[in-house]
């Protein structure tokens, strides 16, 4: 499954893809190696999520700054 956003491609593996990868690497499902692999994938996904959150925060900040610069306040 692929998601496209502003020219970037993010690969989101399904659980079937993960099990296929484990099988191809001759890693026994449920073994400590499999757990390490899955925790590594989880850490990688967490890093990607943090990167995306940072991008969204930067976009939000830019939008707020742009909106703020176009506001005019009437004297009370």
PDB file of N, CA and C in Angstrom:
ATOM      1  N   UNK A   1       0.850  -1.164   0.000  1.00  0.00           N
ATOM      2  CA  UNK A   1       0.000   0.000   0.000  1.00  0.00           C
ATOM      3  C   UNK A   1       0.898   1.230   0.000  1.00  0.00           C
ATOM      4  N   UNK A   2       0.665   2.158  -0.907  1.00  0.00           N
ATOM      5  CA  UNK A   2       1.472   3.361  -1.010  1.00  0.00           C
ATOM      6  C   UNK A   2       0.605   4.577  -0.819  1.00  0.00           C
ATOM      7  N   UNK A   3       1.147   5.564  -0.113  1.00  0.00           N
ATOM      8  CA  UNK A   3       0.468   6.832   0.050  1.00  0.00           C
ATOM      9  C   UNK A   3       1.343   7.887  -0.595  1.00  0.00           C
ATOM     10  N   UNK A   4       0.745   8.778  -1.369  1.00  0.00           N
ATOM     11  CA  UNK A   4       1.514   9.843  -2.003  1.00  0.00           C
ATOM     12  C   UNK A   4       1.074  11.176  -1.428  1.00  0.00           C
ATOM     13  N   UNK A   5       2.075  12.001  -1.098  1.00  0.00           N
ATOM     14  CA  UNK A   5       1.790  13.310  -0.536  1.00  0.00           C
ATOM     15  C   UNK A   5       2.862  14.276  -0.986  1.00  0.00           C
ATOM     16  N   UNK A   6       2.486  15.246  -1.785  1.00  0.00           N
ATOM     17  CA  UNK A   6       3.380  16.295  -2.247  1.00  0.00           C
ATOM     18  C   UNK A   6       4.701  15.749  -2.782  1.00  0.00           C
ATOM     19  N   UNK A   7       4.624  14.782  -3.679  1.00  0.00           N
ATOM     20  CA  UNK A   7       5.817  14.255  -4.312  1.00  0.00           C
ATOM     21  C   UNK A   7       6.589  13.233  -3.507  1.00  0.00           C
ATOM     22  N   UNK A   8       6.196  12.991  -2.266  1.00  0.00           N
ATOM     23  CA  UNK A   8       6.879  12.006  -1.426  1.00  0.00           C
ATOM     24  C   UNK A   8       6.129  10.686  -1.493  1.00  0.00           C
ATOM     25  N   UNK A   9       6.858   9.605  -1.398  1.00  0.00           N
ATOM     26  CA  UNK A   9       6.242   8.287  -1.372  1.00  0.00           C
ATOM     27  C   UNK A   9       6.581   7.625  -0.055  1.00  0.00           C
ATOM     28  N   UNK A  10       5.551   7.233   0.682  1.00  0.00           N
ATOM     29  CA  UNK A  10       5.738   6.539   1.951  1.00  0.00           C
ATOM     30  C   UNK A  10       5.259   5.115   1.766  1.00  0.00           C
ATOM     31  N   UNK A  11       6.093   4.164   2.074  1.00  0.00           N
ATOM     32  CA  UNK A  11       5.743   2.753   1.954  1.00  0.00           C
ATOM     33  C   UNK A  11       5.211   2.273   3.291  1.00  0.00           C
ATOM     34  N   UNK A  12       3.983   1.790   3.296  1.00  0.00           N
ATOM     35  CA  UNK A  12       3.377   1.259   4.510  1.00  0.00           C
ATOM     36  C   UNK A  12       3.183  -0.233   4.317  1.00  0.00           C
ATOM     37  N   UNK A  13       4.029  -1.059   4.956  1.00  0.00           N
ATOM     38  CA  UNK A  13       3.917  -2.502   4.745  1.00  0.00           C
ATOM     39  C   UNK A  13       2.721  -3.089   5.483  1.00  0.00           C
ATOM     40  N   UNK A  14       2.108  -4.073   4.862  1.00  0.00           N
ATOM     41  CA  UNK A  14       1.027  -4.792   5.531  1.00  0.00           C
ATOM     42  C   UNK A  14       1.649  -5.860   6.419  1.00  0.00           C
ATOM     43  N   UNK A  15       0.847  -6.454   7.295  1.00  0.00           N
ATOM     44  CA  UNK A  15       1.373  -7.527   8.148  1.00  0.00           C
ATOM     45  C   UNK A  15       1.834  -8.697   7.287  1.00  0.00           C
ATOM     46  N   UNK A  16       1.182  -8.912   6.149  1.00  0.00           N
ATOM     47  CA  UNK A  16       1.599  -9.983   5.240  1.00  0.00           C
ATOM     48  C   UNK A  16       3.002  -9.710   4.712  1.00  0.00           C
ATOM     49  N   UNK A  17       3.300  -8.439   4.379  1.00  0.00           N
ATOM     50  CA  UNK A  17       4.637  -8.075   3.912  1.00  0.00           C
ATOM     51  C   UNK A  17       5.684  -8.351   4.982  1.00  0.00           C
ATOM     52  N   UNK A  18       5.356  -8.037   6.237  1.00  0.00           N
ATOM     53  CA  UNK A  18       6.296  -8.266   7.336  1.00  0.00           C
ATOM     54  C   UNK A  18       6.562  -9.752   7.497  1.00  0.00           C
ATOM     55  N   UNK A  19       5.504 -10.576   7.479  1.00  0.00           N
ATOM     56  CA  UNK A  19       5.685 -12.022   7.622  1.00  0.00           C
ATOM     57  C   UNK A  19       6.467 -12.596   6.448  1.00  0.00           C
ATOM     58  N   UNK A  20       6.234 -12.074   5.239  1.00  0.00           N
ATOM     59  CA  UNK A  20       6.985 -12.522   4.067  1.00  0.00           C
ATOM     60  C   UNK A  20       8.465 -12.189   4.237  1.00  0.00           C
ATOM     61  N   UNK A  21       8.756 -10.988   4.729  1.00  0.00           N
ATOM     62  CA  UNK A  21      10.144 -10.586   4.970  1.00  0.00           C
ATOM     63  C   UNK A  21      10.802 -11.500   5.993  1.00  0.00           C
ATOM     64  N   UNK A  22      10.083 -11.809   7.074  1.00  0.00           N
ATOM     65  CA  UNK A  22      10.624 -12.717   8.091  1.00  0.00           C
ATOM     66  C   UNK A  22      10.924 -14.083   7.488  1.00  0.00           C
ATOM     67  N   UNK A  23       9.995 -14.580   6.665  1.00  0.00           N
ATOM     68  CA  UNK A  23      10.165 -15.900   6.052  1.00  0.00           C
ATOM     69  C   UNK A  23      11.359 -15.897   5.096  1.00  0.00           C
ATOM     70  N   UNK A  24      11.473 -14.846   4.279  1.00  0.00           N
ATOM     71  CA  UNK A  24      12.578 -14.763   3.327  1.00  0.00           C
ATOM     72  C   UNK A  24      13.923 -14.682   4.043  1.00  0.00           C
ATOM     73  N   UNK A  25      13.941 -14.073   5.221  1.00  0.00           N
ATOM     74  CA  UNK A  25      15.181 -13.956   5.985  1.00  0.00           C
ATOM     75  C   UNK A  25      15.402 -15.172   6.877  1.00  0.00           C
ATOM     76  N   UNK A  26      14.553 -16.182   6.728  1.00  0.00           N
ATOM     77  CA  UNK A  26      14.630 -17.408   7.533  1.00  0.00           C
ATOM     78  C   UNK A  26      14.557 -17.112   9.028  1.00  0.00           C
ATOM     79  N   UNK A  27      13.678 -16.190   9.382  1.00  0.00           N
ATOM     80  CA  UNK A  27      13.470 -15.846  10.790  1.00  0.00           C
ATOM     81  C   UNK A  27      12.174 -16.501  11.241  1.00  0.00           C
ATOM     82  N   UNK A  28      12.257 -17.275  12.299  1.00  0.00           N
ATOM     83  CA  UNK A  28      11.097 -17.998  12.837  1.00  0.00           C
ATOM     84  C   UNK A  28      10.107 -17.015  13.452  1.00  0.00           C
ATOM     85  N   UNK A  29       8.842 -17.103  13.015  1.00  0.00           N
ATOM     86  CA  UNK A  29       7.785 -16.262  13.580  1.00  0.00           C
ATOM     87  C   UNK A  29       7.701 -16.508  15.086  1.00  0.00           C
ATOM     88  N   UNK A  30       7.692 -15.437  15.880  1.00  0.00           N
ATOM     89  CA  UNK A  30       7.613 -15.563  17.332  1.00  0.00           C
ATOM     90  C   UNK A  30       8.961 -15.685  18.020  1.00  0.00           C
ATOM     91  N   UNK A  31      10.038 -15.778  17.250  1.00  0.00           N
ATOM     92  CA  UNK A  31      11.372 -15.900  17.849  1.00  0.00           C
ATOM     93  C   UNK A  31      11.866 -14.533  18.325  1.00  0.00           C
ATOM     94  N   UNK A  32      12.947 -14.555  19.075  1.00  0.00           N
ATOM     95  CA  UNK A  32      13.515 -13.283  19.543  1.00  0.00           C
ATOM     96  C   UNK A  32      14.009 -12.451  18.358  1.00  0.00           C
ATOM     97  N   UNK A  33      14.509 -13.113  17.303  1.00  0.00           N
ATOM     98  CA  UNK A  33      14.922 -12.381  16.101  1.00  0.00           C
ATOM     99  C   UNK A  33      13.736 -11.678  15.460  1.00  0.00           C
ATOM    100  N   UNK A  34      12.595 -12.369  15.420  1.00  0.00           N
ATOM    101  CA  UNK A  34      11.392 -11.773  14.843  1.00  0.00           C
ATOM    102  C   UNK A  34      10.941 -10.576  15.669  1.00  0.00           C
ATOM    103  N   UNK A  35      11.012 -10.716  16.989  1.00  0.00           N
ATOM    104  CA  UNK A  35      10.637  -9.599  17.859  1.00  0.00           C
ATOM    105  C   UNK A  35      11.567  -8.408  17.652  1.00  0.00           C
ATOM    106  N   UNK A  36      12.865  -8.671  17.553  1.00  0.00           N
ATOM    107  CA  UNK A  36      13.821  -7.589  17.306  1.00  0.00           C
ATOM    108  C   UNK A  36      13.536  -6.910  15.971  1.00  0.00           C
ATOM    109  N   UNK A  37      13.233  -7.715  14.951  1.00  0.00           N
ATOM    110  CA  UNK A  37      12.902  -7.166  13.640  1.00  0.00           C
ATOM    111  C   UNK A  37      11.671  -6.270  13.740  1.00  0.00           C
ATOM    112  N   UNK A  38      10.627  -6.773  14.410  1.00  0.00           N
ATOM    113  CA  UNK A  38       9.374  -6.013  14.519  1.00  0.00           C
ATOM    114  C   UNK A  38       9.557  -4.745  15.351  1.00  0.00           C
ATOM    115  N   UNK A  39      10.340  -4.832  16.437  1.00  0.00           N
ATOM    116  CA  UNK A  39      10.604  -3.633  17.232  1.00  0.00           C
ATOM    117  C   UNK A  39      11.434  -2.626  16.442  1.00  0.00           C
ATOM    118  N   UNK A  40      12.320  -3.123  15.600  1.00  0.00           N
ATOM    119  CA  UNK A  40      13.085  -2.237  14.724  1.00  0.00           C
ATOM    120  C   UNK A  40      12.176  -1.523  13.746  1.00  0.00           C
ATOM    121  N   UNK A  41      11.223  -2.263  13.175  1.00  0.00           N
ATOM    122  CA  UNK A  41      10.244  -1.652  12.264  1.00  0.00           C
ATOM    123  C   UNK A  41       9.398  -0.628  13.001  1.00  0.00           C
ATOM    124  N   UNK A  42       9.001  -0.962  14.225  1.00  0.00           N
ATOM    125  CA  UNK A  42       8.200  -0.052  15.038  1.00  0.00           C
ATOM    126  C   UNK A  42       8.973   1.236  15.317  1.00  0.00           C
ATOM    127  N   UNK A  43      10.244   1.104  15.663  1.00  0.00           N
ATOM    128  CA  UNK A  43      11.077   2.280  15.914  1.00  0.00           C
ATOM    129  C   UNK A  43      11.217   3.124  14.653  1.00  0.00           C
ATOM    130  N   UNK A  44      11.371   2.462  13.521  1.00  0.00           N
ATOM    131  CA  UNK A  44      11.473   3.164  12.247  1.00  0.00           C
ATOM    132  C   UNK A  44      10.186   3.924  11.946  1.00  0.00           C
ATOM    133  N   UNK A  45       9.054   3.286  12.198  1.00  0.00           N
ATOM    134  CA  UNK A  45       7.758   3.941  11.978  1.00  0.00           C
ATOM    135  C   UNK A  45       7.575   5.118  12.929  1.00  0.00           C
ATOM    136  N   UNK A  46       8.044   4.977  14.168  1.00  0.00           N
ATOM    137  CA  UNK A  46       7.947   6.071  15.140  1.00  0.00           C
ATOM    138  C   UNK A  46       8.791   7.260  14.684  1.00  0.00           C
ATOM    139  N   UNK A  47       9.978   6.976  14.143  1.00  0.00           N
ATOM    140  CA  UNK A  47      10.831   8.044  13.618  1.00  0.00           C
ATOM    141  C   UNK A  47      10.149   8.751  12.455  1.00  0.00           C
ATOM    142  N   UNK A  48       9.536   7.987  11.564  1.00  0.00           N
ATOM    143  CA  UNK A  48       8.824   8.557  10.418  1.00  0.00           C
ATOM    144  C   UNK A  48       7.642   9.396  10.892  1.00  0.00           C
ATOM    145  N   UNK A  49       6.909   8.904  11.878  1.00  0.00           N
ATOM    146  CA  UNK A  49       5.776   9.648  12.428  1.00  0.00           C
ATOM    147  C   UNK A  49       6.244  10.973  13.024  1.00  0.00           C
ATOM    148  N   UNK A  50       7.343  10.955  13.768  1.00  0.00           N
ATOM    149  CA  UNK A  50       7.886  12.180  14.365  1.00  0.00           C
ATOM    150  C   UNK A  50       8.287  13.161  13.280  1.00  0.00           C
ATOM    151  N   UNK A  51       8.905  12.660  12.215  1.00  0.00           N
ATOM    152  CA  UNK A  51       9.313  13.524  11.100  1.00  0.00           C
ATOM    153  C   UNK A  51       8.097  14.175  10.458  1.00  0.00           C
ATOM    154  N   UNK A  52       7.034  13.391  10.250  1.00  0.00           N
ATOM    155  CA  UNK A  52       5.814  13.931   9.657  1.00  0.00           C
ATOM    156  C   UNK A  52       5.139  14.936  10.587  1.00  0.00           C
ATOM    157  N   UNK A  53       5.132  14.656  11.889  1.00  0.00           N
ATOM    158  CA  UNK A  53       4.564  15.605  12.858  1.00  0.00           C
ATOM    159  C   UNK A  53       5.324  16.926  12.819  1.00  0.00           C
ATOM    160  N   UNK A  54       6.657  16.853  12.717  1.00  0.00           N
ATOM    161  CA  UNK A  54       7.473  18.067  12.635  1.00  0.00           C
ATOM    162  C   UNK A  54       7.145  18.861  11.374  1.00  0.00           C
ATOM    163  N   UNK A  55       6.945  18.164  10.246  1.00  0.00           N
ATOM    164  CA  UNK A  55       6.582  18.837   9.000  1.00  0.00           C
ATOM    165  C   UNK A  55       5.236  19.534   9.140  1.00  0.00           C
ATOM    166  N   UNK A  56       4.272  18.854   9.745  1.00  0.00           N
ATOM    167  CA  UNK A  56       2.941  19.439   9.930  1.00  0.00           C
ATOM    168  C   UNK A  56       3.029  20.661  10.835  1.00  0.00           C
ATOM    169  N   UNK A  57       3.816  20.560  11.897  1.00  0.00           N
ATOM    170  CA  UNK A  57       3.978  21.690  12.812  1.00  0.00           C
ATOM    171  C   UNK A  57       4.579  22.889  12.083  1.00  0.00           C
ATOM    172  N   UNK A  58       5.563  22.646  11.223  1.00  0.00           N
ATOM    173  CA  UNK A  58       6.177  23.731  10.457  1.00  0.00           C
ATOM    174  C   UNK A  58       5.166  24.351   9.502  1.00  0.00           C
ATOM    175  N   UNK A  59       4.349  23.517   8.858  1.00  0.00           N
ATOM    176  CA  UNK A  59       3.328  24.032   7.947  1.00  0.00           C
ATOM    177  C   UNK A  59       2.294  24.840   8.723  1.00  0.00           C
ATOM    178  N   UNK A  60       1.883  24.352   9.899  1.00  0.00           N
ATOM    179  CA  UNK A  60       0.915  25.067  10.726  1.00  0.00           C
ATOM    180  C   UNK A  60       1.475  26.409  11.172  1.00  0.00           C
ATOM    181  N   UNK A  61       2.740  26.431  11.579  1.00  0.00           N
ATOM    182  CA  UNK A  61       3.379  27.671  12.018  1.00  0.00           C
ATOM    183  C   UNK A  61       3.422  28.675  10.876  1.00  0.00           C
ATOM    184  N   UNK A  62       3.797  28.213   9.690  1.00  0.00           N
ATOM    185  CA  UNK A  62       3.852  29.098   8.527  1.00  0.00           C
ATOM    186  C   UNK A  62       2.466  29.639   8.194  1.00  0.00           C
ATOM    187  N   UNK A  63       1.442  28.800   8.288  1.00  0.00           N
ATOM    188  CA  UNK A  63       0.077  29.234   7.987  1.00  0.00           C
ATOM    189  C   UNK A  63      -0.396  30.268   9.003  1.00  0.00           C
ATOM    190  N   UNK A  64      -0.083  30.062  10.272  1.00  0.00           N
ATOM    191  CA  UNK A  64      -0.476  31.014  11.316  1.00  0.00           C
ATOM    192  C   UNK A  64       0.237  32.344  11.107  1.00  0.00           C
ATOM    193  N   UNK A  65       1.531  32.287  10.790  1.00  0.00           N
ATOM    194  CA  UNK A  65       2.282  33.518  10.550  1.00  0.00           C
ATOM    195  C   UNK A  65       1.726  34.267   9.345  1.00  0.00           C
ATOM    196  N   UNK A  66       1.380  33.539   8.291  1.00  0.00           N
ATOM    197  CA  UNK A  66       0.824  34.171   7.096  1.00  0.00           C
ATOM    198  C   UNK A  66      -0.528  34.793   7.412  1.00  0.00           C
ATOM    199  N   UNK A  67      -1.369  34.070   8.129  1.00  0.00           N
ATOM    200  CA  UNK A  67      -2.688  34.590   8.491  1.00  0.00           C
ATOM    201  C   UNK A  67      -2.546  35.800   9.407  1.00  0.00           C
ATOM    202  N   UNK A  68      -1.610  35.746  10.336  1.00  0.00           N
ATOM    203  CA  UNK A  68      -1.396  36.859  11.261  1.00  0.00           C
ATOM    204  C   UNK A  68      -0.919  38.109  10.556  1.00  0.00           C
ATOM    205  N   UNK A  69      -0.108  37.955   9.521  1.00  0.00           N
ATOM    206  CA  UNK A  69       0.414  39.122   8.811  1.00  0.00           C
ATOM    207  C   UNK A  69      -0.654  39.783   7.950  1.00  0.00           C
ATOM    208  N   UNK A  70      -1.711  39.051   7.617  1.00  0.00           N
ATOM    209  CA  UNK A  70      -2.755  39.630   6.775  1.00  0.00           C
ATOM    210  C   UNK A  70      -3.912  40.205   7.588  1.00  0.00           C
ATOM    211  N   UNK A  71      -3.877  40.040   8.903  1.00  0.00           N
ATOM    212  CA  UNK A  71      -4.937  40.576   9.753  1.00  0.00           C
ATOM    213  C   UNK A  71      -4.692  42.048  10.049  1.00  0.00           C
ATOM    214  N   UNK A  72      -5.760  42.802  10.058  1.00  0.00           N
ATOM    215  CA  UNK A  72      -5.671  44.200  10.491  1.00  0.00           C
ATOM    216  C   UNK A  72      -6.637  44.378  11.637  1.00  0.00           C
ATOM    217  N   UNK A  73      -6.213  45.103  12.621  1.00  0.00           N
ATOM    218  CA  UNK A  73      -7.044  45.309  13.796  1.00  0.00           C
ATOM    219  C   UNK A  73      -7.515  46.763  13.832  1.00  0.00           C
ATOM    220  N   UNK A  74      -8.794  46.939  14.057  1.00  0.00           N
ATOM    221  CA  UNK A  74      -9.361  48.285  14.176  1.00  0.00           C
ATOM    222  C   UNK A  74      -9.107  48.797  15.591  1.00  0.00           C
ATOM    223  N   UNK A  75      -8.848  50.085  15.694  1.00  0.00           N
ATOM    224  CA  UNK A  75      -8.654  50.685  17.022  1.00  0.00           C
ATOM    225  C   UNK A  75      -9.981  50.723  17.748  1.00  0.00           C
ATOM    226  N   UNK A  76      -9.967  50.355  19.012  1.00  0.00           N
ATOM    227  CA  UNK A  76     -11.201  50.372  19.818  1.00  0.00           C
ATOM    228  C   UNK A  76     -11.382  51.701  20.464  1.00  0.00           C
TER     229      UNK A  76
END
